[in-house]
Amino acid sequence: MAHSLSAKKRIRQNAKRRTLNRARKSASKTQIKKFMEIAKNPADLATVEKTLRETQKQIDQMVAKGTLHKNTAARKKGQLARKLNSVKAKQTS
């Protein structure tokens, strides 16, 4: 157990940040699953694009808060964009 005041404070800060980061990551994963479900059975393209924008926004916010690394975010956003493009291709053909 930490003895100094600064070490005790760091423990408190780390615990607080860990819970916030967990909540953000969980919300992001839920949003990604929501997008994938909508993309799997698209009623119309507008809802898929709207959900993609919301998901990308959430990912960008996680990068800004330091929860997610920017390269990881770029990879996830690229995967989602590829999925949207495949949905568009299926609808046009």
PDB file of N, CA and C in Angstrom:
ATOM      1  N   MET A   1       0.848  -1.189   0.000  1.00  0.00           N
ATOM      2  CA  MET A   1       0.000   0.000   0.000  1.00  0.00           C
ATOM      3  C   MET A   1       0.883   1.239   0.000  1.00  0.00           C
ATOM      4  N   ALA A   2       0.421   2.254  -0.672  1.00  0.00           N
ATOM      5  CA  ALA A   2       1.187   3.494  -0.775  1.00  0.00           C
ATOM      6  C   ALA A   2       1.207   4.224   0.565  1.00  0.00           C
ATOM      7  N   HIS A   3       2.328   4.897   0.815  1.00  0.00           N
ATOM      8  CA  HIS A   3       2.466   5.626   2.073  1.00  0.00           C
ATOM      9  C   HIS A   3       2.398   7.136   1.879  1.00  0.00           C
ATOM     10  N   SER A   4       2.994   7.614   0.798  1.00  0.00           N
ATOM     11  CA  SER A   4       3.024   9.069   0.609  1.00  0.00           C
ATOM     12  C   SER A   4       1.666   9.575   0.124  1.00  0.00           C
ATOM     13  N   LEU A   5       1.416  10.831   0.381  1.00  0.00           N
ATOM     14  CA  LEU A   5       0.144  11.437  -0.029  1.00  0.00           C
ATOM     15  C   LEU A   5      -0.013  11.433  -1.539  1.00  0.00           C
ATOM     16  N   SER A   6       1.078  11.723  -2.242  1.00  0.00           N
ATOM     17  CA  SER A   6       0.995  11.781  -3.704  1.00  0.00           C
ATOM     18  C   SER A   6       0.707  10.399  -4.293  1.00  0.00           C
ATOM     19  N   ALA A   7       1.280   9.357  -3.697  1.00  0.00           N
ATOM     20  CA  ALA A   7       1.025   8.000  -4.184  1.00  0.00           C
ATOM     21  C   ALA A   7      -0.426   7.598  -3.932  1.00  0.00           C
ATOM     22  N   LYS A   8      -0.958   7.991  -2.785  1.00  0.00           N
ATOM     23  CA  LYS A   8      -2.364   7.692  -2.483  1.00  0.00           C
ATOM     24  C   LYS A   8      -3.286   8.420  -3.452  1.00  0.00           C
ATOM     25  N   LYS A   9      -2.921   9.662  -3.767  1.00  0.00           N
ATOM     26  CA  LYS A   9      -3.726  10.439  -4.711  1.00  0.00           C
ATOM     27  C   LYS A   9      -3.682   9.790  -6.097  1.00  0.00           C
ATOM     28  N   ARG A  10      -2.514   9.319  -6.519  1.00  0.00           N
ATOM     29  CA  ARG A  10      -2.392   8.667  -7.821  1.00  0.00           C
ATOM     30  C   ARG A  10      -3.273   7.413  -7.873  1.00  0.00           C
ATOM     31  N   ILE A  11      -3.337   6.683  -6.785  1.00  0.00           N
ATOM     32  CA  ILE A  11      -4.187   5.491  -6.733  1.00  0.00           C
ATOM     33  C   ILE A  11      -5.648   5.880  -6.923  1.00  0.00           C
ATOM     34  N   ARG A  12      -6.066   6.952  -6.245  1.00  0.00           N
ATOM     35  CA  ARG A  12      -7.451   7.426  -6.400  1.00  0.00           C
ATOM     36  C   ARG A  12      -7.719   7.870  -7.836  1.00  0.00           C
ATOM     37  N   GLN A  13      -6.783   8.622  -8.406  1.00  0.00           N
ATOM     38  CA  GLN A  13      -6.955   9.120  -9.771  1.00  0.00           C
ATOM     39  C   GLN A  13      -7.022   7.968 -10.775  1.00  0.00           C
ATOM     40  N   ASN A  14      -6.136   6.996 -10.600  1.00  0.00           N
ATOM     41  CA  ASN A  14      -6.118   5.855 -11.511  1.00  0.00           C
ATOM     42  C   ASN A  14      -7.417   5.069 -11.448  1.00  0.00           C
ATOM     43  N   ALA A  15      -7.950   4.890 -10.248  1.00  0.00           N
ATOM     44  CA  ALA A  15      -9.209   4.160 -10.099  1.00  0.00           C
ATOM     45  C   ALA A  15     -10.349   4.905 -10.790  1.00  0.00           C
ATOM     46  N   LYS A  16     -10.374   6.211 -10.629  1.00  0.00           N
ATOM     47  CA  LYS A  16     -11.421   7.022 -11.251  1.00  0.00           C
ATOM     48  C   LYS A  16     -11.315   6.962 -12.777  1.00  0.00           C
ATOM     49  N   ARG A  17     -10.101   7.115 -13.282  1.00  0.00           N
ATOM     50  CA  ARG A  17      -9.892   7.078 -14.731  1.00  0.00           C
ATOM     51  C   ARG A  17     -10.223   5.706 -15.304  1.00  0.00           C
ATOM     52  N   ARG A  18      -9.870   4.657 -14.572  1.00  0.00           N
ATOM     53  CA  ARG A  18     -10.139   3.302 -15.042  1.00  0.00           C
ATOM     54  C   ARG A  18     -11.635   3.077 -15.215  1.00  0.00           C
ATOM     55  N   THR A  19     -12.435   3.538 -14.247  1.00  0.00           N
ATOM     56  CA  THR A  19     -13.881   3.347 -14.359  1.00  0.00           C
ATOM     57  C   THR A  19     -14.456   4.160 -15.513  1.00  0.00           C
ATOM     58  N   LEU A  20     -13.967   5.395 -15.707  1.00  0.00           N
ATOM     59  CA  LEU A  20     -14.442   6.211 -16.825  1.00  0.00           C
ATOM     60  C   LEU A  20     -14.060   5.588 -18.163  1.00  0.00           C
ATOM     61  N   ASN A  21     -12.815   5.118 -18.268  1.00  0.00           N
ATOM     62  CA  ASN A  21     -12.361   4.510 -19.517  1.00  0.00           C
ATOM     63  C   ASN A  21     -13.136   3.236 -19.829  1.00  0.00           C
ATOM     64  N   ARG A  22     -13.408   2.448 -18.801  1.00  0.00           N
ATOM     65  CA  ARG A  22     -14.196   1.228 -19.003  1.00  0.00           C
ATOM     66  C   ARG A  22     -15.584   1.556 -19.532  1.00  0.00           C
ATOM     67  N   ALA A  23     -16.208   2.560 -18.944  1.00  0.00           N
ATOM     68  CA  ALA A  23     -17.549   2.949 -19.374  1.00  0.00           C
ATOM     69  C   ALA A  23     -17.527   3.444 -20.816  1.00  0.00           C
ATOM     70  N   ARG A  24     -16.528   4.248 -21.155  1.00  0.00           N
ATOM     71  CA  ARG A  24     -16.427   4.766 -22.525  1.00  0.00           C
ATOM     72  C   ARG A  24     -16.201   3.637 -23.526  1.00  0.00           C
ATOM     73  N   LYS A  25     -15.311   2.715 -23.193  1.00  0.00           N
ATOM     74  CA  LYS A  25     -15.029   1.600 -24.102  1.00  0.00           C
ATOM     75  C   LYS A  25     -16.258   0.720 -24.276  1.00  0.00           C
ATOM     76  N   SER A  26     -16.968   0.489 -23.202  1.00  0.00           N
ATOM     77  CA  SER A  26     -18.178  -0.325 -23.264  1.00  0.00           C
ATOM     78  C   SER A  26     -19.231   0.341 -24.138  1.00  0.00           C
ATOM     79  N   ALA A  27     -19.419   1.639 -23.962  1.00  0.00           N
ATOM     80  CA  ALA A  27     -20.393   2.373 -24.773  1.00  0.00           C
ATOM     81  C   ALA A  27     -19.999   2.347 -26.243  1.00  0.00           C
ATOM     82  N   SER A  28     -18.712   2.456 -26.512  1.00  0.00           N
ATOM     83  CA  SER A  28     -18.227   2.435 -27.888  1.00  0.00           C
ATOM     84  C   SER A  28     -18.478   1.073 -28.532  1.00  0.00           C
ATOM     85  N   LYS A  29     -18.188   0.013 -27.796  1.00  0.00           N
ATOM     86  CA  LYS A  29     -18.419  -1.332 -28.327  1.00  0.00           C
ATOM     87  C   LYS A  29     -19.898  -1.559 -28.608  1.00  0.00           C
ATOM     88  N   THR A  30     -20.751  -1.065 -27.722  1.00  0.00           N
ATOM     89  CA  THR A  30     -22.193  -1.188 -27.920  1.00  0.00           C
ATOM     90  C   THR A  30     -22.622  -0.432 -29.166  1.00  0.00           C
ATOM     91  N   GLN A  31     -22.080   0.758 -29.362  1.00  0.00           N
ATOM     92  CA  GLN A  31     -22.411   1.570 -30.535  1.00  0.00           C
ATOM     93  C   GLN A  31     -21.946   0.877 -31.819  1.00  0.00           C
ATOM     94  N   ILE A  32     -20.768   0.264 -31.790  1.00  0.00           N
ATOM     95  CA  ILE A  32     -20.256  -0.444 -32.964  1.00  0.00           C
ATOM     96  C   ILE A  32     -21.149  -1.637 -33.286  1.00  0.00           C
ATOM     97  N   LYS A  33     -21.579  -2.369 -32.263  1.00  0.00           N
ATOM     98  CA  LYS A  33     -22.483  -3.500 -32.480  1.00  0.00           C
ATOM     99  C   LYS A  33     -23.803  -3.030 -33.068  1.00  0.00           C
ATOM    100  N   LYS A  34     -24.286  -1.893 -32.584  1.00  0.00           N
ATOM    101  CA  LYS A  34     -25.526  -1.319 -33.104  1.00  0.00           C
ATOM    102  C   LYS A  34     -25.376  -1.000 -34.589  1.00  0.00           C
ATOM    103  N   PHE A  35     -24.250  -0.388 -34.959  1.00  0.00           N
ATOM    104  CA  PHE A  35     -24.001  -0.072 -36.367  1.00  0.00           C
ATOM    105  C   PHE A  35     -23.954  -1.342 -37.206  1.00  0.00           C
ATOM    106  N   MET A  36     -23.265  -2.363 -36.717  1.00  0.00           N
ATOM    107  CA  MET A  36     -23.139  -3.613 -37.473  1.00  0.00           C
ATOM    108  C   MET A  36     -24.499  -4.280 -37.675  1.00  0.00           C
ATOM    109  N   GLU A  37     -25.350  -4.233 -36.657  1.00  0.00           N
ATOM    110  CA  GLU A  37     -26.696  -4.806 -36.785  1.00  0.00           C
ATOM    111  C   GLU A  37     -27.511  -4.060 -37.834  1.00  0.00           C
ATOM    112  N   ILE A  38     -27.435  -2.730 -37.802  1.00  0.00           N
ATOM    113  CA  ILE A  38     -28.181  -1.927 -38.768  1.00  0.00           C
ATOM    114  C   ILE A  38     -27.622  -2.157 -40.168  1.00  0.00           C
ATOM    115  N   ALA A  39     -26.299  -2.291 -40.284  1.00  0.00           N
ATOM    116  CA  ALA A  39     -25.672  -2.506 -41.589  1.00  0.00           C
ATOM    117  C   ALA A  39     -25.982  -3.895 -42.137  1.00  0.00           C
ATOM    118  N   LYS A  40     -26.210  -4.849 -41.238  1.00  0.00           N
ATOM    119  CA  LYS A  40     -26.520  -6.209 -41.671  1.00  0.00           C
ATOM    120  C   LYS A  40     -27.880  -6.276 -42.361  1.00  0.00           C
ATOM    121  N   ASN A  41     -28.859  -5.580 -41.795  1.00  0.00           N
ATOM    122  CA  ASN A  41     -30.213  -5.547 -42.357  1.00  0.00           C
ATOM    123  C   ASN A  41     -30.632  -4.099 -42.570  1.00  0.00           C
ATOM    124  N   PRO A  42     -30.079  -3.440 -43.594  1.00  0.00           N
ATOM    125  CA  PRO A  42     -30.364  -2.013 -43.756  1.00  0.00           C
ATOM    126  C   PRO A  42     -31.773  -1.758 -44.279  1.00  0.00           C
ATOM    127  N   ALA A  43     -32.540  -0.983 -43.515  1.00  0.00           N
ATOM    128  CA  ALA A  43     -33.857  -0.568 -43.985  1.00  0.00           C
ATOM    129  C   ALA A  43     -33.673   0.492 -45.064  1.00  0.00           C
ATOM    130  N   ASP A  44     -32.856   1.481 -44.771  1.00  0.00           N
ATOM    131  CA  ASP A  44     -32.487   2.474 -45.773  1.00  0.00           C
ATOM    132  C   ASP A  44     -31.073   2.953 -45.480  1.00  0.00           C
ATOM    133  N   LEU A  45     -30.441   3.478 -46.498  1.00  0.00           N
ATOM    134  CA  LEU A  45     -29.040   3.864 -46.407  1.00  0.00           C
ATOM    135  C   LEU A  45     -28.820   5.046 -45.468  1.00  0.00           C
ATOM    136  N   ALA A  46     -29.809   5.910 -45.337  1.00  0.00           N
ATOM    137  CA  ALA A  46     -29.667   7.106 -44.500  1.00  0.00           C
ATOM    138  C   ALA A  46     -29.448   6.737 -43.031  1.00  0.00           C
ATOM    139  N   THR A  47     -30.177   5.748 -42.540  1.00  0.00           N
ATOM    140  CA  THR A  47     -30.006   5.357 -41.136  1.00  0.00           C
ATOM    141  C   THR A  47     -28.635   4.736 -40.902  1.00  0.00           C
ATOM    142  N   VAL A  48     -28.154   3.980 -41.882  1.00  0.00           N
ATOM    143  CA  VAL A  48     -26.826   3.370 -41.750  1.00  0.00           C
ATOM    144  C   VAL A  48     -25.760   4.461 -41.690  1.00  0.00           C
ATOM    145  N   GLU A  49     -25.878   5.456 -42.576  1.00  0.00           N
ATOM    146  CA  GLU A  49     -24.899   6.546 -42.595  1.00  0.00           C
ATOM    147  C   GLU A  49     -24.967   7.382 -41.317  1.00  0.00           C
ATOM    148  N   LYS A  50     -26.171   7.606 -40.817  1.00  0.00           N
ATOM    149  CA  LYS A  50     -26.346   8.383 -39.586  1.00  0.00           C
ATOM    150  C   LYS A  50     -25.702   7.650 -38.404  1.00  0.00           C
ATOM    151  N   THR A  51     -25.928   6.349 -38.331  1.00  0.00           N
ATOM    152  CA  THR A  51     -25.343   5.553 -37.250  1.00  0.00           C
ATOM    153  C   THR A  51     -23.819   5.532 -37.362  1.00  0.00           C
ATOM    154  N   LEU A  52     -23.315   5.482 -38.594  1.00  0.00           N
ATOM    155  CA  LEU A  52     -21.867   5.519 -38.791  1.00  0.00           C
ATOM    156  C   LEU A  52     -21.289   6.834 -38.285  1.00  0.00           C
ATOM    157  N   ARG A  53     -21.930   7.941 -38.601  1.00  0.00           N
ATOM    158  CA  ARG A  53     -21.446   9.247 -38.133  1.00  0.00           C
ATOM    159  C   ARG A  53     -21.423   9.303 -36.608  1.00  0.00           C
ATOM    160  N   GLU A  54     -22.484   8.795 -35.969  1.00  0.00           N
ATOM    161  CA  GLU A  54     -22.543   8.789 -34.503  1.00  0.00           C
ATOM    162  C   GLU A  54     -21.415   7.938 -33.912  1.00  0.00           C
ATOM    163  N   THR A  55     -21.183   6.787 -34.535  1.00  0.00           N
ATOM    164  CA  THR A  55     -20.147   5.880 -34.048  1.00  0.00           C
ATOM    165  C   THR A  55     -18.766   6.506 -34.203  1.00  0.00           C
ATOM    166  N   GLN A  56     -18.518   7.110 -35.359  1.00  0.00           N
ATOM    167  CA  GLN A  56     -17.224   7.753 -35.583  1.00  0.00           C
ATOM    168  C   GLN A  56     -17.013   8.922 -34.624  1.00  0.00           C
ATOM    169  N   LYS A  57     -18.067   9.647 -34.345  1.00  0.00           N
ATOM    170  CA  LYS A  57     -17.973  10.760 -33.403  1.00  0.00           C
ATOM    171  C   LYS A  57     -17.574  10.250 -32.021  1.00  0.00           C
ATOM    172  N   GLN A  58     -18.198   9.159 -31.611  1.00  0.00           N
ATOM    173  CA  GLN A  58     -17.897   8.597 -30.297  1.00  0.00           C
ATOM    174  C   GLN A  58     -16.443   8.120 -30.230  1.00  0.00           C
ATOM    175  N   ILE A  59     -15.969   7.508 -31.309  1.00  0.00           N
ATOM    176  CA  ILE A  59     -14.580   7.051 -31.354  1.00  0.00           C
ATOM    177  C   ILE A  59     -13.629   8.242 -31.264  1.00  0.00           C
ATOM    178  N   ASP A  60     -13.943   9.314 -31.995  1.00  0.00           N
ATOM    179  CA  ASP A  60     -13.103  10.518 -31.953  1.00  0.00           C
ATOM    180  C   ASP A  60     -13.072  11.136 -30.556  1.00  0.00           C
ATOM    181  N   GLN A  61     -14.191  11.103 -29.870  1.00  0.00           N
ATOM    182  CA  GLN A  61     -14.238  11.636 -28.510  1.00  0.00           C
ATOM    183  C   GLN A  61     -13.366  10.807 -27.571  1.00  0.00           C
ATOM    184  N   MET A  62     -13.338   9.499 -27.783  1.00  0.00           N
ATOM    185  CA  MET A  62     -12.491   8.647 -26.959  1.00  0.00           C
ATOM    186  C   MET A  62     -11.014   8.968 -27.176  1.00  0.00           C
ATOM    187  N   VAL A  63     -10.645   9.292 -28.415  1.00  0.00           N
ATOM    188  CA  VAL A  63      -9.258   9.674 -28.697  1.00  0.00           C
ATOM    189  C   VAL A  63      -8.934  10.986 -27.993  1.00  0.00           C
ATOM    190  N   ALA A  64      -9.860  11.931 -28.055  1.00  0.00           N
ATOM    191  CA  ALA A  64      -9.639  13.232 -27.426  1.00  0.00           C
ATOM    192  C   ALA A  64      -9.486  13.101 -25.911  1.00  0.00           C
ATOM    193  N   LYS A  65     -10.207  12.170 -25.315  1.00  0.00           N
ATOM    194  CA  LYS A  65     -10.126  11.964 -23.869  1.00  0.00           C
ATOM    195  C   LYS A  65      -8.926  11.109 -23.469  1.00  0.00           C
ATOM    196  N   GLY A  66      -8.271  10.483 -24.449  1.00  0.00           N
ATOM    197  CA  GLY A  66      -7.112   9.652 -24.148  1.00  0.00           C
ATOM    198  C   GLY A  66      -7.459   8.217 -23.827  1.00  0.00           C
ATOM    199  N   THR A  67      -8.683   7.817 -24.076  1.00  0.00           N
ATOM    200  CA  THR A  67      -9.101   6.448 -23.794  1.00  0.00           C
ATOM    201  C   THR A  67      -8.603   5.493 -24.868  1.00  0.00           C
ATOM    202  N   LEU A  68      -8.535   5.984 -26.100  1.00  0.00           N
ATOM    203  CA  LEU A  68      -8.190   5.145 -27.242  1.00  0.00           C
ATOM    204  C   LEU A  68      -7.024   5.788 -27.990  1.00  0.00           C
ATOM    205  N   HIS A  69      -6.113   4.971 -28.484  1.00  0.00           N
ATOM    206  CA  HIS A  69      -4.996   5.487 -29.279  1.00  0.00           C
ATOM    207  C   HIS A  69      -5.505   5.897 -30.657  1.00  0.00           C
ATOM    208  N   LYS A  70      -4.898   6.921 -31.236  1.00  0.00           N
ATOM    209  CA  LYS A  70      -5.405   7.458 -32.503  1.00  0.00           C
ATOM    210  C   LYS A  70      -5.294   6.454 -33.645  1.00  0.00           C
ATOM    211  N   ASN A  71      -4.274   5.596 -33.636  1.00  0.00           N
ATOM    212  CA  ASN A  71      -4.148   4.593 -34.694  1.00  0.00           C
ATOM    213  C   ASN A  71      -5.221   3.517 -34.565  1.00  0.00           C
ATOM    214  N   THR A  72      -5.539   3.146 -33.350  1.00  0.00           N
ATOM    215  CA  THR A  72      -6.610   2.184 -33.110  1.00  0.00           C
ATOM    216  C   THR A  72      -7.934   2.760 -33.583  1.00  0.00           C
ATOM    217  N   ALA A  73      -8.149   4.032 -33.291  1.00  0.00           N
ATOM    218  CA  ALA A  73      -9.379   4.700 -33.714  1.00  0.00           C
ATOM    219  C   ALA A  73      -9.463   4.754 -35.232  1.00  0.00           C
ATOM    220  N   ALA A  74      -8.351   5.062 -35.875  1.00  0.00           N
ATOM    221  CA  ALA A  74      -8.337   5.130 -37.336  1.00  0.00           C
ATOM    222  C   ALA A  74      -8.658   3.768 -37.937  1.00  0.00           C
ATOM    223  N   ARG A  75      -8.116   2.707 -37.344  1.00  0.00           N
ATOM    224  CA  ARG A  75      -8.388   1.356 -37.841  1.00  0.00           C
ATOM    225  C   ARG A  75      -9.864   1.002 -37.686  1.00  0.00           C
ATOM    226  N   LYS A  76     -10.438   1.301 -36.528  1.00  0.00           N
ATOM    227  CA  LYS A  76     -11.851   1.002 -36.291  1.00  0.00           C
ATOM    228  C   LYS A  76     -12.742   1.784 -37.246  1.00  0.00           C
ATOM    229  N   LYS A  77     -12.438   3.071 -37.435  1.00  0.00           N
ATOM    230  CA  LYS A  77     -13.236   3.899 -38.333  1.00  0.00           C
ATOM    231  C   LYS A  77     -13.122   3.400 -39.772  1.00  0.00           C
ATOM    232  N   GLY A  78     -11.935   2.932 -40.152  1.00  0.00           N
ATOM    233  CA  GLY A  78     -11.749   2.377 -41.491  1.00  0.00           C
ATOM    234  C   GLY A  78     -12.558   1.113 -41.697  1.00  0.00           C
ATOM    235  N   GLN A  79     -12.597   0.267 -40.684  1.00  0.00           N
ATOM    236  CA  GLN A  79     -13.389  -0.965 -40.768  1.00  0.00           C
ATOM    237  C   GLN A  79     -14.869  -0.643 -40.929  1.00  0.00           C
ATOM    238  N   LEU A  80     -15.336   0.350 -40.181  1.00  0.00           N
ATOM    239  CA  LEU A  80     -16.744   0.737 -40.267  1.00  0.00           C
ATOM    240  C   LEU A  80     -17.059   1.334 -41.636  1.00  0.00           C
ATOM    241  N   ALA A  81     -16.137   2.133 -42.164  1.00  0.00           N
ATOM    242  CA  ALA A  81     -16.344   2.740 -43.484  1.00  0.00           C
ATOM    243  C   ALA A  81     -16.380   1.665 -44.567  1.00  0.00           C
ATOM    244  N   ARG A  82     -15.520   0.653 -44.441  1.00  0.00           N
ATOM    245  CA  ARG A  82     -15.545  -0.463 -45.397  1.00  0.00           C
ATOM    246  C   ARG A  82     -16.881  -1.183 -45.358  1.00  0.00           C
ATOM    247  N   LYS A  83     -17.407  -1.362 -44.170  1.00  0.00           N
ATOM    248  CA  LYS A  83     -18.707  -2.021 -44.024  1.00  0.00           C
ATOM    249  C   LYS A  83     -19.795  -1.197 -44.705  1.00  0.00           C
ATOM    250  N   LEU A  84     -19.763   0.121 -44.514  1.00  0.00           N
ATOM    251  CA  LEU A  84     -20.736   0.997 -45.161  1.00  0.00           C
ATOM    252  C   LEU A  84     -20.619   0.898 -46.676  1.00  0.00           C
ATOM    253  N   ASN A  85     -19.394   0.878 -47.196  1.00  0.00           N
ATOM    254  CA  ASN A  85     -19.196   0.777 -48.640  1.00  0.00           C
ATOM    255  C   ASN A  85     -19.722  -0.541 -49.189  1.00  0.00           C
ATOM    256  N   SER A  86     -19.574  -1.622 -48.440  1.00  0.00           N
ATOM    257  CA  SER A  86     -20.103  -2.908 -48.900  1.00  0.00           C
ATOM    258  C   SER A  86     -21.629  -2.894 -48.901  1.00  0.00           C
ATOM    259  N   VAL A  87     -22.224  -2.205 -47.926  1.00  0.00           N
ATOM    260  CA  VAL A  87     -23.687  -2.079 -47.889  1.00  0.00           C
ATOM    261  C   VAL A  87     -24.162  -1.266 -49.089  1.00  0.00           C
ATOM    262  N   LYS A  88     -23.445  -0.189 -49.402  1.00  0.00           N
ATOM    263  CA  LYS A  88     -23.800   0.637 -50.561  1.00  0.00           C
ATOM    264  C   LYS A  88     -23.698  -0.166 -51.852  1.00  0.00           C
ATOM    265  N   ALA A  89     -22.647  -0.971 -51.969  1.00  0.00           N
ATOM    266  CA  ALA A  89     -22.449  -1.774 -53.174  1.00  0.00           C
ATOM    267  C   ALA A  89     -23.566  -2.799 -53.341  1.00  0.00           C
ATOM    268  N   LYS A  90     -24.001  -3.395 -52.246  1.00  0.00           N
ATOM    269  CA  LYS A  90     -25.091  -4.379 -52.316  1.00  0.00           C
ATOM    270  C   LYS A  90     -26.400  -3.724 -52.725  1.00  0.00           C
ATOM    271  N   GLN A  91     -26.625  -2.500 -52.243  1.00  0.00           N
ATOM    272  CA  GLN A  91     -27.890  -1.830 -52.558  1.00  0.00           C
ATOM    273  C   GLN A  91     -27.940  -1.369 -54.004  1.00  0.00           C
ATOM    274  N   THR A  92     -26.798  -1.006 -54.580  1.00  0.00           N
ATOM    275  CA  THR A  92     -26.799  -0.541 -55.966  1.00  0.00           C
ATOM    276  C   THR A  92     -26.879  -1.704 -56.941  1.00  0.00           C
ATOM    277  N   SER A  93     -26.377  -2.869 -56.554  1.00  0.00           N
ATOM    278  CA  SER A  93     -26.407  -4.012 -57.474  1.00  0.00           C
ATOM    279  C   SER A  93     -27.660  -4.837 -57.341  1.00  0.00           C
TER     280      SER A  93
END
